[in-house]
Amino acid sequence: MTPQELEAKVGEHLGTSEWVEMSQDRINMFADATGDHQFIHIDEAKAKMTPFGGTIAHGFLTLSMIPYLSANSDLPKVDGVKMGVNYGGNKTRFIAPVKSGKRIRGHWKLLELVEKRPGQWQQTHEITIEIEGEDKPALITEWIMQFFV
């Protein structure tokens, strides 16, 4: 697909990722990587006494899953991309906690695609991270990426 063909899809749902489990091991590794060892994430006994009834994934862990979910999705691929980079995010909201052992997946809607200069494109997606079996999503964000062709 060309960038121009992708540009014609602004406003459309573009794709959905595969499901991925948010295991306690993944949560513990994220805690170690970030130094965020709050009990709600890593201490199963204490976390059982909270309204969540067990440990939950860090919100930023869920957010950081976007590249993995994107790579494991049916999103259309733009031909000739040499490189893609994260540019930032807007309006990120953590709606519901992801309990340890639950599965999540992402849904992408293309909000904007702009050619910043020849061969450099900036795309903004609304990404919703769904929690399997839950009514509310884990998060909703506007994610901005740039790619170079």
N, C-alpha and C. Protein backbone atom coordinates (compact mmCIF):
# COMPACT_ATOMS: atom_id res chain seq x y z
N MET A 1 0.85 -1.17 0.00
CA MET A 1 0.00 0.00 0.00
C MET A 1 0.90 1.23 0.00
N THR A 2 0.52 2.23 -0.76
CA THR A 2 1.26 3.49 -0.78
C THR A 2 0.78 4.40 0.36
N PRO A 3 1.59 5.39 0.74
CA PRO A 3 1.11 6.35 1.74
C PRO A 3 -0.19 7.04 1.30
N GLN A 4 -0.33 7.31 0.02
CA GLN A 4 -1.54 7.96 -0.48
C GLN A 4 -2.76 7.05 -0.34
N GLU A 5 -2.57 5.75 -0.56
CA GLU A 5 -3.67 4.80 -0.36
C GLU A 5 -4.05 4.72 1.11
N LEU A 6 -3.05 4.77 1.99
CA LEU A 6 -3.33 4.78 3.42
C LEU A 6 -4.05 6.07 3.81
N GLU A 7 -3.64 7.18 3.22
CA GLU A 7 -4.27 8.47 3.52
C GLU A 7 -5.77 8.45 3.22
N ALA A 8 -6.17 7.68 2.22
CA ALA A 8 -7.59 7.57 1.86
C ALA A 8 -8.40 6.84 2.94
N LYS A 9 -7.73 6.21 3.90
CA LYS A 9 -8.41 5.44 4.95
C LYS A 9 -8.56 6.23 6.25
N VAL A 10 -8.24 7.52 6.24
CA VAL A 10 -8.42 8.34 7.45
C VAL A 10 -9.88 8.23 7.89
N GLY A 11 -10.06 8.01 9.20
CA GLY A 11 -11.40 7.85 9.77
C GLY A 11 -11.85 6.41 9.85
N GLU A 12 -11.09 5.50 9.28
CA GLU A 12 -11.47 4.08 9.26
C GLU A 12 -10.73 3.27 10.32
N HIS A 13 -11.39 2.18 10.75
CA HIS A 13 -10.73 1.18 11.59
C HIS A 13 -9.76 0.43 10.67
N LEU A 14 -8.49 0.38 11.06
CA LEU A 14 -7.47 -0.23 10.19
C LEU A 14 -7.12 -1.66 10.55
N GLY A 15 -7.23 -2.00 11.82
CA GLY A 15 -6.82 -3.35 12.15
C GLY A 15 -6.92 -3.66 13.62
N THR A 16 -6.71 -4.95 13.90
CA THR A 16 -6.78 -5.50 15.26
C THR A 16 -5.60 -6.44 15.45
N SER A 17 -5.05 -6.43 16.65
CA SER A 17 -3.92 -7.31 16.95
C SER A 17 -4.41 -8.67 17.42
N GLU A 18 -3.46 -9.57 17.56
CA GLU A 18 -3.71 -10.84 18.21
C GLU A 18 -3.84 -10.59 19.71
N TRP A 19 -4.39 -11.55 20.42
CA TRP A 19 -4.45 -11.48 21.88
C TRP A 19 -3.07 -11.80 22.45
N VAL A 20 -2.73 -11.14 23.56
CA VAL A 20 -1.49 -11.45 24.27
C VAL A 20 -1.79 -11.45 25.77
N GLU A 21 -1.23 -12.43 26.47
CA GLU A 21 -1.46 -12.54 27.91
C GLU A 21 -0.55 -11.59 28.67
N MET A 22 -1.14 -10.95 29.67
CA MET A 22 -0.39 -10.10 30.59
C MET A 22 -0.10 -10.94 31.83
N SER A 23 0.91 -11.77 31.72
CA SER A 23 1.24 -12.72 32.78
C SER A 23 1.91 -12.02 33.96
N GLN A 24 1.90 -12.69 35.10
CA GLN A 24 2.58 -12.14 36.27
C GLN A 24 4.08 -12.03 36.01
N ASP A 25 4.65 -12.95 35.25
CA ASP A 25 6.07 -12.85 34.91
C ASP A 25 6.36 -11.58 34.12
N ARG A 26 5.50 -11.25 33.15
CA ARG A 26 5.67 -10.03 32.35
C ARG A 26 5.57 -8.80 33.26
N ILE A 27 4.59 -8.81 34.16
CA ILE A 27 4.40 -7.70 35.09
C ILE A 27 5.62 -7.54 35.99
N ASN A 28 6.14 -8.65 36.52
CA ASN A 28 7.32 -8.60 37.38
C ASN A 28 8.55 -8.08 36.63
N MET A 29 8.73 -8.51 35.39
CA MET A 29 9.87 -8.03 34.60
C MET A 29 9.76 -6.52 34.34
N PHE A 30 8.53 -6.04 34.09
CA PHE A 30 8.34 -4.61 33.88
C PHE A 30 8.65 -3.85 35.18
N ALA A 31 8.21 -4.39 36.31
CA ALA A 31 8.51 -3.77 37.60
C ALA A 31 10.02 -3.66 37.80
N ASP A 32 10.74 -4.71 37.48
CA ASP A 32 12.20 -4.69 37.62
C ASP A 32 12.83 -3.69 36.65
N ALA A 33 12.33 -3.64 35.42
CA ALA A 33 12.91 -2.73 34.42
C ALA A 33 12.69 -1.27 34.78
N THR A 34 11.57 -0.97 35.42
CA THR A 34 11.22 0.43 35.71
C THR A 34 11.46 0.83 37.15
N GLY A 35 11.68 -0.14 38.03
CA GLY A 35 11.83 0.17 39.45
C GLY A 35 10.51 0.45 40.15
N ASP A 36 9.38 0.18 39.47
CA ASP A 36 8.06 0.39 40.06
C ASP A 36 7.58 -0.92 40.68
N HIS A 37 7.88 -1.10 41.95
CA HIS A 37 7.55 -2.34 42.65
C HIS A 37 6.38 -2.16 43.61
N GLN A 38 5.44 -1.27 43.26
CA GLN A 38 4.26 -1.09 44.10
C GLN A 38 3.57 -2.45 44.29
N PHE A 39 3.11 -2.71 45.51
CA PHE A 39 2.57 -4.04 45.84
C PHE A 39 1.42 -4.46 44.94
N ILE A 40 0.64 -3.52 44.44
CA ILE A 40 -0.54 -3.87 43.62
C ILE A 40 -0.12 -4.62 42.35
N HIS A 41 1.15 -4.47 41.96
CA HIS A 41 1.64 -5.13 40.76
C HIS A 41 2.36 -6.45 41.04
N ILE A 42 3.01 -6.56 42.20
CA ILE A 42 3.92 -7.70 42.39
C ILE A 42 3.64 -8.57 43.61
N ASP A 43 2.86 -8.08 44.57
CA ASP A 43 2.63 -8.85 45.79
C ASP A 43 1.21 -9.43 45.74
N GLU A 44 1.13 -10.67 45.32
CA GLU A 44 -0.18 -11.29 45.10
C GLU A 44 -1.01 -11.39 46.39
N ALA A 45 -0.37 -11.64 47.52
CA ALA A 45 -1.11 -11.76 48.78
C ALA A 45 -1.73 -10.42 49.19
N LYS A 46 -0.95 -9.35 49.16
CA LYS A 46 -1.47 -8.03 49.52
C LYS A 46 -2.50 -7.55 48.49
N ALA A 47 -2.23 -7.80 47.22
CA ALA A 47 -3.13 -7.34 46.17
C ALA A 47 -4.50 -8.01 46.25
N LYS A 48 -4.57 -9.21 46.80
CA LYS A 48 -5.87 -9.89 46.96
C LYS A 48 -6.79 -9.13 47.89
N MET A 49 -6.23 -8.32 48.77
CA MET A 49 -7.03 -7.56 49.74
C MET A 49 -7.52 -6.22 49.18
N THR A 50 -7.20 -5.91 47.94
CA THR A 50 -7.64 -4.66 47.33
C THR A 50 -8.93 -4.89 46.55
N PRO A 51 -9.59 -3.83 46.11
CA PRO A 51 -10.79 -3.99 45.28
C PRO A 51 -10.54 -4.75 43.97
N PHE A 52 -9.27 -4.86 43.55
CA PHE A 52 -8.96 -5.58 42.31
C PHE A 52 -8.93 -7.09 42.52
N GLY A 53 -8.74 -7.53 43.74
CA GLY A 53 -8.74 -8.95 44.06
C GLY A 53 -7.50 -9.70 43.63
N GLY A 54 -6.49 -8.97 43.19
CA GLY A 54 -5.23 -9.59 42.76
C GLY A 54 -4.35 -8.54 42.11
N THR A 55 -3.21 -9.00 41.62
CA THR A 55 -2.28 -8.06 41.00
C THR A 55 -2.80 -7.57 39.66
N ILE A 56 -2.34 -6.38 39.30
CA ILE A 56 -2.70 -5.76 38.02
C ILE A 56 -1.44 -5.29 37.32
N ALA A 57 -1.52 -5.22 36.01
CA ALA A 57 -0.40 -4.72 35.21
C ALA A 57 -0.27 -3.21 35.40
N HIS A 58 0.94 -2.73 35.32
CA HIS A 58 1.19 -1.30 35.32
C HIS A 58 0.48 -0.70 34.10
N GLY A 59 -0.11 0.47 34.26
CA GLY A 59 -0.71 1.15 33.11
C GLY A 59 0.31 1.38 32.01
N PHE A 60 1.53 1.75 32.40
CA PHE A 60 2.56 2.01 31.40
C PHE A 60 3.05 0.73 30.74
N LEU A 61 2.92 -0.41 31.40
CA LEU A 61 3.21 -1.69 30.74
C LEU A 61 2.20 -1.91 29.62
N THR A 62 0.94 -1.70 29.93
CA THR A 62 -0.10 -1.87 28.91
C THR A 62 0.16 -0.93 27.73
N LEU A 63 0.48 0.32 28.02
CA LEU A 63 0.78 1.29 26.97
C LEU A 63 2.00 0.85 26.16
N SER A 64 3.00 0.33 26.84
CA SER A 64 4.24 -0.06 26.15
C SER A 64 4.06 -1.29 25.26
N MET A 65 2.93 -1.96 25.36
CA MET A 65 2.66 -3.12 24.52
C MET A 65 2.25 -2.74 23.10
N ILE A 66 2.00 -1.45 22.85
CA ILE A 66 1.53 -1.01 21.53
C ILE A 66 2.45 -1.48 20.40
N PRO A 67 3.77 -1.31 20.46
CA PRO A 67 4.60 -1.80 19.35
C PRO A 67 4.47 -3.30 19.12
N TYR A 68 4.44 -4.09 20.20
CA TYR A 68 4.28 -5.53 20.06
C TYR A 68 2.93 -5.87 19.43
N LEU A 69 1.88 -5.24 19.95
CA LEU A 69 0.55 -5.51 19.41
C LEU A 69 0.46 -5.11 17.94
N SER A 70 1.08 -3.99 17.60
CA SER A 70 1.08 -3.53 16.21
C SER A 70 1.78 -4.54 15.30
N ALA A 71 2.92 -5.04 15.74
CA ALA A 71 3.68 -6.01 14.94
C ALA A 71 2.92 -7.33 14.78
N ASN A 72 2.00 -7.60 15.68
CA ASN A 72 1.22 -8.83 15.64
C ASN A 72 -0.25 -8.53 15.36
N SER A 73 -0.45 -7.74 14.31
CA SER A 73 -1.80 -7.31 13.93
C SER A 73 -1.98 -7.47 12.43
N ASP A 74 -3.20 -7.16 12.01
CA ASP A 74 -3.51 -7.18 10.57
C ASP A 74 -3.50 -5.77 9.98
N LEU A 75 -2.77 -4.85 10.62
CA LEU A 75 -2.67 -3.48 10.08
C LEU A 75 -2.05 -3.52 8.69
N PRO A 76 -2.51 -2.65 7.79
CA PRO A 76 -1.91 -2.61 6.46
C PRO A 76 -0.47 -2.13 6.52
N LYS A 77 0.34 -2.66 5.65
CA LYS A 77 1.76 -2.29 5.58
C LYS A 77 1.96 -1.31 4.42
N VAL A 78 2.71 -0.25 4.70
CA VAL A 78 3.05 0.72 3.67
C VAL A 78 4.31 0.25 2.96
N ASP A 79 4.29 0.25 1.64
CA ASP A 79 5.42 -0.20 0.83
C ASP A 79 6.61 0.75 0.98
N GLY A 80 7.79 0.17 1.04
CA GLY A 80 9.02 0.95 0.98
C GLY A 80 9.39 1.73 2.23
N VAL A 81 8.82 1.37 3.38
CA VAL A 81 9.16 2.08 4.61
C VAL A 81 10.60 1.73 5.00
N LYS A 82 11.42 2.76 5.16
CA LYS A 82 12.82 2.57 5.56
C LYS A 82 12.97 2.54 7.08
N MET A 83 12.08 3.30 7.75
CA MET A 83 12.19 3.42 9.20
C MET A 83 10.90 4.00 9.74
N GLY A 84 10.54 3.59 10.95
CA GLY A 84 9.42 4.19 11.66
C GLY A 84 9.87 4.55 13.07
N VAL A 85 9.36 5.66 13.60
CA VAL A 85 9.73 6.08 14.95
C VAL A 85 8.49 6.56 15.70
N ASN A 86 8.51 6.33 17.01
CA ASN A 86 7.46 6.89 17.87
C ASN A 86 7.65 8.39 17.93
N TYR A 87 6.57 9.14 17.85
CA TYR A 87 6.64 10.59 17.93
C TYR A 87 6.00 11.09 19.23
N GLY A 88 5.02 10.35 19.73
CA GLY A 88 4.39 10.75 20.99
C GLY A 88 2.96 10.27 21.08
N GLY A 89 2.27 10.81 22.06
CA GLY A 89 0.88 10.44 22.27
C GLY A 89 0.07 11.61 22.78
N ASN A 90 -1.21 11.53 22.56
CA ASN A 90 -2.16 12.52 23.04
C ASN A 90 -3.29 11.80 23.77
N LYS A 91 -3.85 12.45 24.75
CA LYS A 91 -5.10 12.00 25.37
C LYS A 91 -5.08 10.56 25.85
N THR A 92 -3.97 10.10 26.39
CA THR A 92 -3.91 8.74 26.91
C THR A 92 -4.71 8.66 28.20
N ARG A 93 -5.60 7.70 28.25
CA ARG A 93 -6.42 7.48 29.44
C ARG A 93 -6.41 6.00 29.80
N PHE A 94 -6.11 5.72 31.08
CA PHE A 94 -6.14 4.36 31.59
C PHE A 94 -7.54 4.13 32.16
N ILE A 95 -8.35 3.37 31.45
CA ILE A 95 -9.77 3.23 31.75
C ILE A 95 -10.02 2.14 32.80
N ALA A 96 -9.40 0.97 32.61
CA ALA A 96 -9.64 -0.16 33.51
C ALA A 96 -8.34 -0.92 33.71
N PRO A 97 -8.15 -1.49 34.90
CA PRO A 97 -6.92 -2.24 35.16
C PRO A 97 -6.92 -3.58 34.42
N VAL A 98 -5.72 -4.02 34.06
CA VAL A 98 -5.54 -5.34 33.45
C VAL A 98 -5.04 -6.27 34.54
N LYS A 99 -5.89 -7.21 34.92
CA LYS A 99 -5.52 -8.17 35.96
C LYS A 99 -4.51 -9.17 35.42
N SER A 100 -3.61 -9.58 36.30
CA SER A 100 -2.61 -10.57 35.92
C SER A 100 -3.31 -11.80 35.33
N GLY A 101 -2.78 -12.27 34.22
CA GLY A 101 -3.34 -13.45 33.55
C GLY A 101 -4.37 -13.14 32.48
N LYS A 102 -4.87 -11.90 32.44
CA LYS A 102 -5.84 -11.52 31.40
C LYS A 102 -5.13 -11.31 30.07
N ARG A 103 -5.89 -11.39 29.00
CA ARG A 103 -5.34 -11.13 27.67
C ARG A 103 -5.85 -9.79 27.16
N ILE A 104 -4.99 -9.13 26.39
CA ILE A 104 -5.33 -7.85 25.79
C ILE A 104 -5.10 -7.92 24.28
N ARG A 105 -5.76 -7.00 23.57
CA ARG A 105 -5.47 -6.81 22.15
C ARG A 105 -5.76 -5.37 21.80
N GLY A 106 -5.17 -4.92 20.70
CA GLY A 106 -5.31 -3.53 20.27
C GLY A 106 -6.18 -3.40 19.04
N HIS A 107 -6.85 -2.25 18.97
CA HIS A 107 -7.66 -1.87 17.80
C HIS A 107 -7.17 -0.49 17.34
N TRP A 108 -6.94 -0.32 16.04
CA TRP A 108 -6.41 0.91 15.48
C TRP A 108 -7.41 1.58 14.56
N LYS A 109 -7.60 2.88 14.77
CA LYS A 109 -8.39 3.73 13.87
C LYS A 109 -7.46 4.85 13.42
N LEU A 110 -7.36 5.07 12.12
CA LEU A 110 -6.50 6.13 11.58
C LEU A 110 -7.21 7.47 11.67
N LEU A 111 -6.63 8.38 12.45
CA LEU A 111 -7.23 9.71 12.62
C LEU A 111 -6.65 10.73 11.65
N GLU A 112 -5.36 10.58 11.33
CA GLU A 112 -4.72 11.58 10.47
C GLU A 112 -3.46 10.98 9.85
N LEU A 113 -3.18 11.38 8.63
CA LEU A 113 -1.93 11.04 7.96
C LEU A 113 -1.50 12.25 7.17
N VAL A 114 -0.32 12.77 7.49
CA VAL A 114 0.16 14.01 6.89
C VAL A 114 1.59 13.80 6.42
N GLU A 115 1.90 14.27 5.22
CA GLU A 115 3.28 14.26 4.75
C GLU A 115 3.96 15.51 5.28
N LYS A 116 4.89 15.34 6.21
CA LYS A 116 5.56 16.46 6.86
C LYS A 116 6.57 17.12 5.93
N ARG A 117 7.26 16.32 5.15
CA ARG A 117 8.16 16.76 4.07
C ARG A 117 8.31 15.56 3.16
N PRO A 118 8.86 15.73 1.99
CA PRO A 118 8.90 14.61 1.04
C PRO A 118 9.48 13.33 1.66
N GLY A 119 8.67 12.28 1.66
CA GLY A 119 9.09 10.98 2.16
C GLY A 119 8.96 10.79 3.66
N GLN A 120 8.53 11.83 4.38
CA GLN A 120 8.36 11.72 5.83
C GLN A 120 6.88 11.93 6.15
N TRP A 121 6.25 10.87 6.67
CA TRP A 121 4.82 10.88 6.96
C TRP A 121 4.58 10.76 8.46
N GLN A 122 3.56 11.45 8.92
CA GLN A 122 3.17 11.36 10.33
C GLN A 122 1.74 10.89 10.40
N GLN A 123 1.55 9.81 11.15
CA GLN A 123 0.21 9.24 11.29
C GLN A 123 -0.22 9.28 12.75
N THR A 124 -1.49 9.56 12.95
CA THR A 124 -2.07 9.55 14.29
C THR A 124 -3.19 8.51 14.29
N HIS A 125 -3.08 7.58 15.21
CA HIS A 125 -4.10 6.54 15.39
C HIS A 125 -4.78 6.72 16.73
N GLU A 126 -6.05 6.39 16.78
CA GLU A 126 -6.70 6.16 18.05
C GLU A 126 -6.54 4.67 18.30
N ILE A 127 -5.90 4.34 19.42
CA ILE A 127 -5.68 2.94 19.76
C ILE A 127 -6.46 2.63 21.02
N THR A 128 -7.24 1.59 20.95
CA THR A 128 -7.99 1.09 22.10
C THR A 128 -7.43 -0.27 22.45
N ILE A 129 -7.02 -0.43 23.71
CA ILE A 129 -6.54 -1.73 24.18
C ILE A 129 -7.68 -2.40 24.94
N GLU A 130 -8.17 -3.46 24.36
CA GLU A 130 -9.30 -4.23 24.90
C GLU A 130 -8.78 -5.29 25.87
N ILE A 131 -9.56 -5.56 26.91
CA ILE A 131 -9.28 -6.65 27.84
C ILE A 131 -10.29 -7.75 27.58
N GLU A 132 -9.81 -8.94 27.31
CA GLU A 132 -10.70 -10.05 26.99
C GLU A 132 -11.70 -10.28 28.13
N GLY A 133 -12.99 -10.33 27.77
CA GLY A 133 -14.04 -10.62 28.71
C GLY A 133 -14.47 -9.46 29.58
N GLU A 134 -13.91 -8.28 29.36
CA GLU A 134 -14.25 -7.11 30.17
C GLU A 134 -15.07 -6.11 29.35
N ASP A 135 -15.94 -5.36 30.01
CA ASP A 135 -16.77 -4.36 29.34
C ASP A 135 -16.00 -3.10 28.97
N LYS A 136 -15.05 -2.72 29.82
CA LYS A 136 -14.29 -1.49 29.60
C LYS A 136 -12.92 -1.81 29.05
N PRO A 137 -12.38 -0.94 28.18
CA PRO A 137 -11.02 -1.16 27.69
C PRO A 137 -10.00 -0.80 28.76
N ALA A 138 -8.79 -1.31 28.59
CA ALA A 138 -7.69 -0.96 29.49
C ALA A 138 -7.29 0.49 29.29
N LEU A 139 -7.19 0.89 28.03
CA LEU A 139 -6.78 2.26 27.74
C LEU A 139 -7.23 2.67 26.35
N ILE A 140 -7.26 3.98 26.18
CA ILE A 140 -7.50 4.59 24.87
C ILE A 140 -6.47 5.71 24.75
N THR A 141 -5.82 5.78 23.60
CA THR A 141 -4.81 6.81 23.38
C THR A 141 -4.80 7.23 21.92
N GLU A 142 -4.30 8.41 21.68
CA GLU A 142 -3.95 8.84 20.33
C GLU A 142 -2.44 8.67 20.24
N TRP A 143 -2.00 7.82 19.35
CA TRP A 143 -0.59 7.47 19.21
C TRP A 143 -0.06 8.03 17.90
N ILE A 144 1.07 8.71 17.96
CA ILE A 144 1.63 9.37 16.78
C ILE A 144 2.93 8.69 16.40
N MET A 145 3.02 8.30 15.15
CA MET A 145 4.20 7.66 14.60
C MET A 145 4.63 8.41 13.34
N GLN A 146 5.90 8.39 13.07
CA GLN A 146 6.39 8.89 11.79
C GLN A 146 7.06 7.74 11.07
N PHE A 147 6.90 7.73 9.76
CA PHE A 147 7.62 6.75 8.95
C PHE A 147 8.23 7.44 7.74
N PHE A 148 9.29 6.82 7.24
CA PHE A 148 10.07 7.41 6.16
C PHE A 148 10.10 6.43 5.00
N VAL A 149 9.77 6.92 3.81
CA VAL A 149 9.81 6.10 2.60
C VAL A 149 10.80 6.68 1.60
